[in-house]
Protein backbone atom coordinates (compact mmCIF):
# COMPACT_ATOMS: atom_id res chain seq x y z
CA UNK A 1 -56.41 97.26 186.69
CA UNK A 2 -53.08 98.76 186.41
CA UNK A 3 -51.32 96.50 188.91
CA UNK A 4 -52.40 93.14 188.19
CA UNK A 5 -49.80 91.45 190.30
CA UNK A 6 -52.09 92.66 193.46
CA UNK A 7 -54.66 89.67 192.32
CA UNK A 8 -51.64 87.07 191.98
CA UNK A 9 -50.27 87.49 195.84
CA UNK A 10 -49.48 84.56 196.97
CA UNK A 11 -49.91 85.11 200.81
CA UNK A 12 -53.71 86.50 200.13
CA UNK A 13 -54.28 83.30 197.69
CA UNK A 14 -53.23 81.03 200.87
CA UNK A 15 -55.59 82.80 203.05
CA UNK A 16 -58.50 82.36 200.56
CA UNK A 17 -57.59 78.51 200.14
CA UNK A 18 -57.45 78.38 204.13
CA UNK A 19 -60.97 79.83 204.25
CA UNK A 20 -62.25 77.65 201.60
CA UNK A 21 -60.76 74.53 203.33
CA UNK A 22 -62.07 75.41 206.61
CA UNK A 23 -65.60 76.30 205.25
CA UNK A 24 -66.08 73.28 203.00
CA UNK A 25 -67.74 70.08 204.79
CA UNK A 26 -68.71 68.09 201.51
CA UNK A 27 -68.28 67.54 197.72
CA UNK A 28 -69.17 70.63 195.64
CA UNK A 29 -68.66 70.64 192.03
CA UNK A 30 -68.22 74.13 190.74
CA UNK A 31 -67.98 75.13 186.79
CA UNK A 32 -66.45 78.41 185.37
CA UNK A 33 -68.02 79.24 182.14
CA UNK A 34 -65.31 81.02 180.80
CA UNK A 35 -62.03 80.01 178.82
CA UNK A 36 -60.02 82.78 180.27
CA UNK A 37 -60.87 81.40 183.82
CA UNK A 38 -60.16 77.41 182.91
CA UNK A 39 -56.67 79.06 181.49
CA UNK A 40 -55.91 80.96 184.82
CA UNK A 41 -57.13 77.96 186.97
CA UNK A 42 -55.03 75.39 185.08
CA UNK A 43 -52.02 77.81 184.51
CA UNK A 44 -51.72 78.48 188.31
CA UNK A 45 -52.77 75.00 189.52
CA UNK A 46 -55.71 76.47 191.36
CA UNK A 47 -57.74 73.28 190.78
CA UNK A 48 -54.81 71.38 192.58
CA UNK A 49 -54.41 73.65 195.80
CA UNK A 50 -58.07 73.56 196.66
CA UNK A 51 -59.33 71.17 199.37
CA UNK A 52 -60.36 67.81 197.96
CA UNK A 53 -64.28 68.38 198.75
CA UNK A 54 -64.02 71.23 196.05
CA UNK A 55 -64.24 70.12 192.32
CA UNK A 56 -63.62 72.63 189.15
CA UNK A 57 -65.16 71.32 186.16
CA UNK A 58 -64.96 73.24 182.79
CA UNK A 59 -68.03 74.44 180.89
CA UNK A 60 -68.82 76.14 177.38
CA UNK A 61 -67.00 79.35 178.21
CA UNK A 62 -65.13 79.43 174.88
CA UNK A 63 -67.41 81.15 171.78
CA UNK A 64 -64.97 79.62 169.42
CA UNK A 65 -65.06 76.14 170.60
CA UNK A 66 -68.76 76.22 170.62
CA UNK A 67 -69.05 77.26 166.94
CA UNK A 68 -70.41 74.62 165.24
CA UNK A 69 -68.58 72.54 162.64
CA UNK A 70 -71.48 73.44 159.82
CA UNK A 71 -70.80 77.17 160.30
CA UNK A 72 -67.11 76.82 160.28
CA UNK A 73 -67.82 74.86 156.87
CA UNK A 74 -70.07 77.77 155.72
CA UNK A 75 -67.26 79.92 156.31
CA UNK A 76 -64.87 77.75 154.55
CA UNK A 77 -66.88 77.72 151.52
CA UNK A 78 -67.65 81.46 151.63
CA UNK A 79 -63.84 82.14 151.84
CA UNK A 80 -62.88 80.07 148.92
CA UNK A 81 -65.49 81.47 146.44
CA UNK A 82 -63.61 84.05 143.95
CA UNK A 83 -63.43 87.97 144.62
CA UNK A 84 -64.10 87.05 148.75
CA UNK A 85 -61.90 88.77 151.47
CA UNK A 86 -62.68 86.69 154.56
CA UNK A 87 -61.58 88.42 157.68
CA UNK A 88 -61.45 86.63 161.12
CA UNK A 89 -59.96 86.88 164.33
CA UNK A 90 -56.63 84.96 164.50
CA UNK A 91 -58.20 82.13 166.81
CA UNK A 92 -60.59 80.94 164.07
CA UNK A 93 -58.36 80.61 161.57
CA UNK A 94 -56.83 76.92 162.82
CA UNK A 95 -60.49 75.83 163.92
CA UNK A 96 -60.98 72.66 162.06
CA UNK A 97 -64.18 72.12 160.07
CA UNK A 98 -65.27 68.70 158.71
CA UNK A 99 -62.63 69.13 155.85
CA UNK A 100 -59.71 71.64 156.73
CA UNK A 101 -59.44 75.32 158.23
CA UNK A 102 -59.22 78.89 156.97
CA UNK A 103 -55.32 78.30 156.71
CA UNK A 104 -55.61 75.70 154.28
CA UNK A 105 -58.15 77.91 152.34
CA UNK A 106 -55.48 80.50 152.33
CA UNK A 107 -52.88 78.13 151.33
CA UNK A 108 -55.15 77.08 148.22
CA UNK A 109 -55.30 80.65 147.08
CA UNK A 110 -58.13 82.31 148.84
CA UNK A 111 -57.79 85.81 150.36
CA UNK A 112 -58.22 85.16 154.26
CA UNK A 113 -56.84 88.19 156.68
CA UNK A 114 -56.56 87.98 160.36
CA UNK A 115 -57.89 91.47 161.71
CA UNK A 116 -57.96 92.49 165.29
CA UNK A 117 -61.19 94.33 165.31
CA UNK A 118 -64.52 94.03 163.30
CA UNK A 119 -64.30 97.75 162.12
CA UNK A 120 -61.01 96.61 160.60
CA UNK A 121 -63.17 94.40 158.26
CA UNK A 122 -65.18 97.33 157.62
CA UNK A 123 -62.24 99.32 156.38
CA UNK A 124 -61.21 96.43 154.28
CA UNK A 125 -64.66 96.62 152.52
CA UNK A 126 -64.38 100.55 151.98
CA UNK A 127 -60.81 99.97 150.56
CA UNK A 128 -61.64 97.30 147.84
CA UNK A 129 -65.28 97.99 146.45
CA UNK A 130 -65.12 95.49 143.96
CA UNK A 131 -64.76 92.71 146.53
CA UNK A 132 -67.20 91.15 148.71
CA UNK A 133 -65.70 91.32 152.30
CA UNK A 134 -67.21 88.68 155.00
CA UNK A 135 -66.23 89.14 158.81
CA UNK A 136 -66.58 85.76 160.51
CA UNK A 137 -68.57 87.44 163.67
CA UNK A 138 -67.75 85.12 166.51
CA UNK A 139 -68.18 85.40 170.20
CA UNK A 140 -70.58 86.08 173.33
CA UNK A 141 -71.85 89.05 175.03
CA UNK A 142 -68.28 90.42 175.08
CA UNK A 143 -67.55 90.90 171.71
CA UNK A 144 -70.89 91.02 170.23
CA UNK A 145 -71.35 94.65 170.84
CA UNK A 146 -68.12 95.71 168.54
CA UNK A 147 -69.59 93.19 166.01
CA UNK A 148 -72.91 94.89 165.93
CA UNK A 149 -71.15 98.16 165.75
CA UNK A 150 -69.49 97.28 162.79
CA UNK A 151 -72.70 95.91 160.92
CA UNK A 152 -74.16 99.52 162.15
CA UNK A 153 -71.25 101.38 160.60
CA UNK A 154 -71.22 99.38 157.29
CA UNK A 155 -74.93 100.27 157.13
CA UNK A 156 -74.46 104.21 157.76
CA UNK A 157 -71.68 104.16 155.25
CA UNK A 158 -73.86 102.47 152.69
CA UNK A 159 -71.58 99.40 152.27
CA UNK A 160 -72.91 96.98 149.97
CA UNK A 161 -70.08 94.55 149.74
CA UNK A 162 -69.88 93.91 153.60
CA UNK A 163 -71.55 91.14 155.54
CA UNK A 164 -71.18 89.17 158.41
CA UNK A 165 -71.05 85.18 159.18
CA UNK A 166 -72.66 85.29 162.71
CA UNK A 167 -71.75 82.93 165.37
CA UNK A 168 -72.90 84.62 168.39
CA UNK A 169 -74.11 83.05 171.65
CA UNK A 170 -75.22 83.97 174.98
CA UNK A 171 -74.27 82.52 178.44
CA UNK A 172 -77.79 82.49 180.46
CA UNK A 173 -79.16 79.63 178.02
CA UNK A 174 -75.76 77.72 178.07
CA UNK A 175 -76.14 77.50 181.92
CA UNK A 176 -80.02 76.49 182.06
CA UNK A 177 -79.59 74.02 179.28
CA UNK A 178 -76.45 72.37 181.64
CA UNK A 179 -78.57 72.68 184.90
CA UNK A 180 -81.36 71.03 183.47
CA UNK A 181 -79.26 68.54 181.57
CA UNK A 182 -79.91 64.94 183.41
CA UNK A 183 -76.33 64.43 183.50
CA UNK A 184 -75.20 67.50 185.10
CA UNK A 185 -73.55 67.58 188.37
CA UNK A 186 -73.06 71.08 188.82
CA UNK A 187 -73.51 72.65 192.24
CA UNK A 188 -72.71 76.24 191.22
CA UNK A 189 -71.05 78.47 188.57
CA UNK A 190 -68.66 81.11 188.27
CA UNK A 191 -69.94 83.48 185.61
CA UNK A 192 -67.62 85.60 183.35
CA UNK A 193 -66.87 88.84 184.50
CA UNK A 194 -66.33 90.69 181.13
CA UNK A 195 -69.59 89.29 179.80
CA UNK A 196 -71.28 91.11 182.69
CA UNK A 197 -69.86 94.29 182.01
CA UNK A 198 -71.98 94.41 179.01
CA UNK A 199 -75.03 92.46 180.35
CA UNK A 200 -74.65 92.99 183.79
CA UNK A 201 -75.95 90.37 186.61
CA UNK A 202 -79.44 90.75 186.20
CA UNK A 203 -79.26 88.08 183.41
CA UNK A 204 -78.87 85.40 185.90
CA UNK A 205 -81.40 86.16 188.27
CA UNK A 206 -84.32 84.11 187.02
CA UNK A 207 -81.78 80.95 186.72
CA UNK A 208 -81.12 81.25 190.27
CA UNK A 209 -84.38 81.82 191.56
CA UNK A 210 -85.96 78.98 189.25
CA UNK A 211 -83.11 76.29 189.74
CA UNK A 212 -81.61 77.31 193.22
CA UNK A 213 -77.96 77.26 191.83
CA UNK A 214 -75.35 80.02 193.29
CA UNK A 215 -74.09 81.83 190.46
CA UNK A 216 -70.90 84.05 191.19
CA UNK A 217 -69.68 86.72 188.85
CA UNK A 218 -65.98 86.27 188.73
CA UNK A 219 -62.84 87.91 187.25
CA UNK A 220 -60.20 86.31 185.96
CA UNK A 221 -56.93 86.55 187.92
CA UNK A 222 -55.74 84.17 190.61
CA UNK A 223 -57.16 86.03 193.27
CA UNK A 224 -60.50 86.50 191.52
CA UNK A 225 -60.99 82.89 190.76
CA UNK A 226 -60.68 81.98 194.27
CA UNK A 227 -62.72 84.71 195.74
CA UNK A 228 -65.27 83.68 193.48
CA UNK A 229 -64.91 79.62 194.73
CA UNK A 230 -64.85 80.93 198.21
CA UNK A 231 -68.16 82.74 197.46
CA UNK A 232 -69.86 79.99 196.07
CA UNK A 233 -68.46 77.36 198.83
CA UNK A 234 -69.95 79.68 201.42
CA UNK A 235 -73.48 79.72 199.76
CA UNK A 236 -73.63 76.07 199.23
CA UNK A 237 -72.67 75.47 202.48
CA UNK A 238 -75.26 77.70 204.03
CA UNK A 239 -77.78 76.33 201.60
CA UNK A 240 -78.33 79.59 199.73
CA UNK A 241 -78.83 80.50 196.14
CA UNK A 242 -78.05 84.02 195.02
CA UNK A 243 -76.04 85.96 192.31
CA UNK A 244 -73.07 87.38 194.06
CA UNK A 245 -71.06 90.00 192.70
CA UNK A 246 -67.35 89.19 192.98
CA UNK A 247 -66.25 91.30 190.00
CA UNK A 248 -67.66 95.05 191.10
CA UNK A 249 -64.75 96.85 190.06
CA UNK A 250 -65.94 96.34 186.74
CA UNK A 251 -69.59 95.00 186.73
CA UNK A 252 -72.96 96.38 187.57
CA UNK A 253 -76.07 94.76 187.93
CA UNK A 254 -77.62 96.36 184.82
CA UNK A 255 -74.43 96.35 182.66
CA UNK A 256 -73.71 98.56 179.85
CA UNK A 257 -76.90 100.21 178.60
CA UNK A 258 -75.17 101.86 175.54
CA UNK A 259 -73.94 98.44 174.40
CA UNK A 260 -76.80 96.62 174.99
CA UNK A 261 -78.84 99.06 172.79
CA UNK A 262 -76.47 98.69 170.12
CA UNK A 263 -76.96 94.94 170.36
CA UNK A 264 -80.70 95.11 170.72
CA UNK A 265 -80.73 97.16 167.37
CA UNK A 266 -78.54 94.78 165.08
CA UNK A 267 -79.20 91.43 166.54
CA UNK A 268 -82.23 89.46 167.83
CA UNK A 269 -82.23 86.09 169.72
CA UNK A 270 -82.47 82.96 168.01
CA UNK A 271 -81.94 79.04 168.67
CA UNK A 272 -78.64 78.10 168.00
CA UNK A 273 -76.50 74.60 167.76
CA UNK A 274 -73.55 74.77 169.89
CA UNK A 275 -70.78 72.55 169.03
CA UNK A 276 -70.51 69.16 170.97
CA UNK A 277 -73.83 70.17 172.84
CA UNK A 278 -76.50 70.33 170.05
CA UNK A 279 -79.06 73.01 169.97
CA UNK A 280 -80.14 75.49 172.78
CA UNK A 281 -83.22 77.53 172.20
CA UNK A 282 -82.79 81.08 172.21
CA UNK A 283 -79.13 80.97 172.93
CA UNK A 284 -77.92 82.71 169.73
CA UNK A 285 -78.58 85.91 168.17
CA UNK A 286 -78.99 86.49 164.43
CA UNK A 287 -79.43 89.90 162.37
CA UNK A 288 -82.54 91.69 162.62
CA UNK A 289 -84.84 92.66 159.70
CA UNK A 290 -83.19 96.02 159.24
CA UNK A 291 -79.84 94.46 158.76
CA UNK A 292 -80.37 91.18 157.29
CA UNK A 293 -79.28 92.15 154.14
CA UNK A 294 -75.66 91.88 156.06
CA UNK A 295 -76.23 88.23 156.50
CA UNK A 296 -73.32 86.08 154.55
CA UNK A 297 -75.17 82.82 154.92
CA UNK A 298 -78.14 84.51 152.87
CA UNK A 299 -75.93 86.23 150.84
CA UNK A 300 -73.82 83.43 149.85
CA UNK A 301 -76.58 80.81 149.97
CA UNK A 302 -74.74 78.40 152.34
CA UNK A 303 -77.51 78.37 155.16
CA UNK A 304 -78.46 75.03 154.41
CA UNK A 305 -75.08 73.49 154.72
CA UNK A 306 -74.71 70.81 157.35
CA UNK A 307 -72.25 68.38 158.27
CA UNK A 308 -71.44 65.73 161.32
CA UNK A 309 -69.01 65.88 163.78
CA UNK A 310 -65.88 64.01 164.23
CA UNK A 311 -66.91 60.71 166.27
CA UNK A 312 -63.29 60.68 167.74
CA UNK A 313 -63.79 64.15 169.16
CA UNK A 314 -65.44 64.17 172.75
CA UNK A 315 -65.35 68.09 173.00
CA UNK A 316 -68.82 68.27 173.70
CA UNK A 317 -68.40 66.06 176.98
CA UNK A 318 -65.50 68.45 177.71
CA UNK A 319 -67.78 71.39 177.29
CA UNK A 320 -70.53 70.05 179.67
CA UNK A 321 -67.87 69.26 182.15
CA UNK A 322 -68.97 65.51 182.03
CA UNK A 323 -65.35 64.60 181.32
CA UNK A 324 -61.60 66.36 181.75
CA UNK A 325 -59.88 66.99 178.66
CA UNK A 326 -57.15 64.51 179.66
CA UNK A 327 -60.33 61.66 179.75
CA UNK A 328 -61.02 62.04 176.41
CA UNK A 329 -59.12 58.96 174.44
CA UNK A 330 -57.81 61.10 171.42
CA UNK A 331 -56.33 63.81 173.96
CA UNK A 332 -52.65 64.28 173.23
CA UNK A 333 -52.47 61.58 170.75
CA UNK A 334 -54.89 61.63 167.68
CA UNK A 335 -55.88 65.30 168.94
CA UNK A 336 -52.86 67.81 169.44
CA UNK A 337 -52.68 71.37 168.85
CA UNK A 338 -51.01 70.92 165.81
CA UNK A 339 -53.36 68.41 164.40
CA UNK A 340 -56.75 69.48 166.64
CA UNK A 341 -59.90 67.08 166.02
CA UNK A 342 -62.05 69.71 167.85
CA UNK A 343 -62.06 73.64 168.80
CA UNK A 344 -61.10 73.12 172.44
CA UNK A 345 -57.78 71.83 171.47
CA UNK A 346 -57.02 74.75 169.15
CA UNK A 347 -58.50 77.71 170.61
CA UNK A 348 -56.63 80.12 172.90
CA UNK A 349 -59.27 79.76 175.66
CA UNK A 350 -60.07 76.06 175.15
CA UNK A 351 -59.80 73.75 178.07
CA UNK A 352 -58.05 71.13 176.00
CA UNK A 353 -55.38 73.66 174.87
CA UNK A 354 -54.96 74.52 178.53
CA UNK A 355 -54.62 70.90 179.58
CA UNK A 356 -52.31 70.24 176.79
CA UNK A 357 -50.05 73.48 177.08
CA UNK A 358 -49.72 72.91 181.09
CA UNK A 359 -48.89 69.45 180.74
CA UNK A 360 -52.34 68.15 182.55
CA UNK A 361 -52.13 64.61 181.05
CA UNK A 362 -54.30 63.02 184.15
CA UNK A 363 -54.55 64.18 187.74
CA UNK A 364 -50.68 65.11 187.98
CA UNK A 365 -48.65 67.89 186.40
CA UNK A 366 -46.01 66.36 184.30
CA UNK A 367 -42.66 67.35 185.50
CA UNK A 368 -41.14 69.98 183.45
CA UNK A 369 -44.45 71.55 182.07
C-alpha cells in the first residue's frame, strides 16, 4: 500500500478495540502464525490494549526459527568446505547450530555471502564456474516461489555448480499439528496474509471444517491485526468456524496460480522436522526428481548429520504457544541477541527477539523500552 499510515490510525484502532471489548464475553486464546504479525503486536502494544478476555499467543510463524539445528549444522559443514561459496539471507548467518553459526565459519575463512535474492546466488554461480555455490533456501510459502525460480533458472542455464540447502515449510500442516496437540489451548488463528497471496485461502478450509477452529487471514499493520482479532472474536462468540479473508486487498481464494505452478514443478511435499517442535508429516518441501541433482544435502553427503537441541532453550514451547518468551528461564540472561541459544532470539521475526527488543520482560513494559 502507498500510505501505510492509514493502517496505524489511532482513532480507528480505538474503535476496533472498543468493538472487541463490547463483543467478548469469555476468555479466548488467538494465535498469530506470522513473525511479522508478532513484531507488530509487541511493537504497538496491541496485546496490552485488548480486553483481558482476549489472549494473544505466538505460533511457529518464523521460518528461520523453525529451521532444525541439524539442518543448520549441515549448512555449517558445507560452508566450511574448500571451494564452496555459501549464500544466505542475512537473518540466517547468526542463527546458532550446535557449535557456532555462519559468521563463525566466515571468520574462520569460509566464503559465506549475504544475498538479497536467490537469483543473486545463481549469478554468483555463473560468475564463479570453478566454485560450488550453495544457497540456503529457507522460508514458508512466501519465499518458496523465488527459491524455486532460482533452481529452475540454474537448470535452464545448465549450471552444474549451483545447489540449494532446502528448509521450506508449509503453514497448514503446522496449524493442524497445533490444533491436534493435547497441550493446545488455541481457539482461533490469524494466518499470514503474504503466504496467502501465493497459496490462497482455500488451503485452510479443510482444517476449519474438520477441527471447527476459525482462521482469519490477516495483514501486518496495527489495524490489520486488530481487524483480524475482531473477526476472530465475533466468530468465536457466535459459535462459528470459518476461513475469513481480512486481507482482501492482496489475497484471493485461489492465490497466485503462476507461483503455485512453479512450486509444483520444483518442489514436492515431504515430512519435516521443525525446530523445537519435532517432526510434522508432509509439512516441508524437497526438490522433485527433475531437480534432485541440485540438492546440496545429497551433493555434499551431509543428509545423515543429526544433532540435539540445547536443553536450556525452550523455543519449542514458545513456538507452540505453550509459554511466552519471558517465561523461559534463559530469556534475557543465558539467551540474548548477542549470545542466542535459539533462533527465536536472533531472527528478525522471532518472538523472543521481539520481547527482548521491546523490553517485554514480563507482563509489563519496562520504562524506557
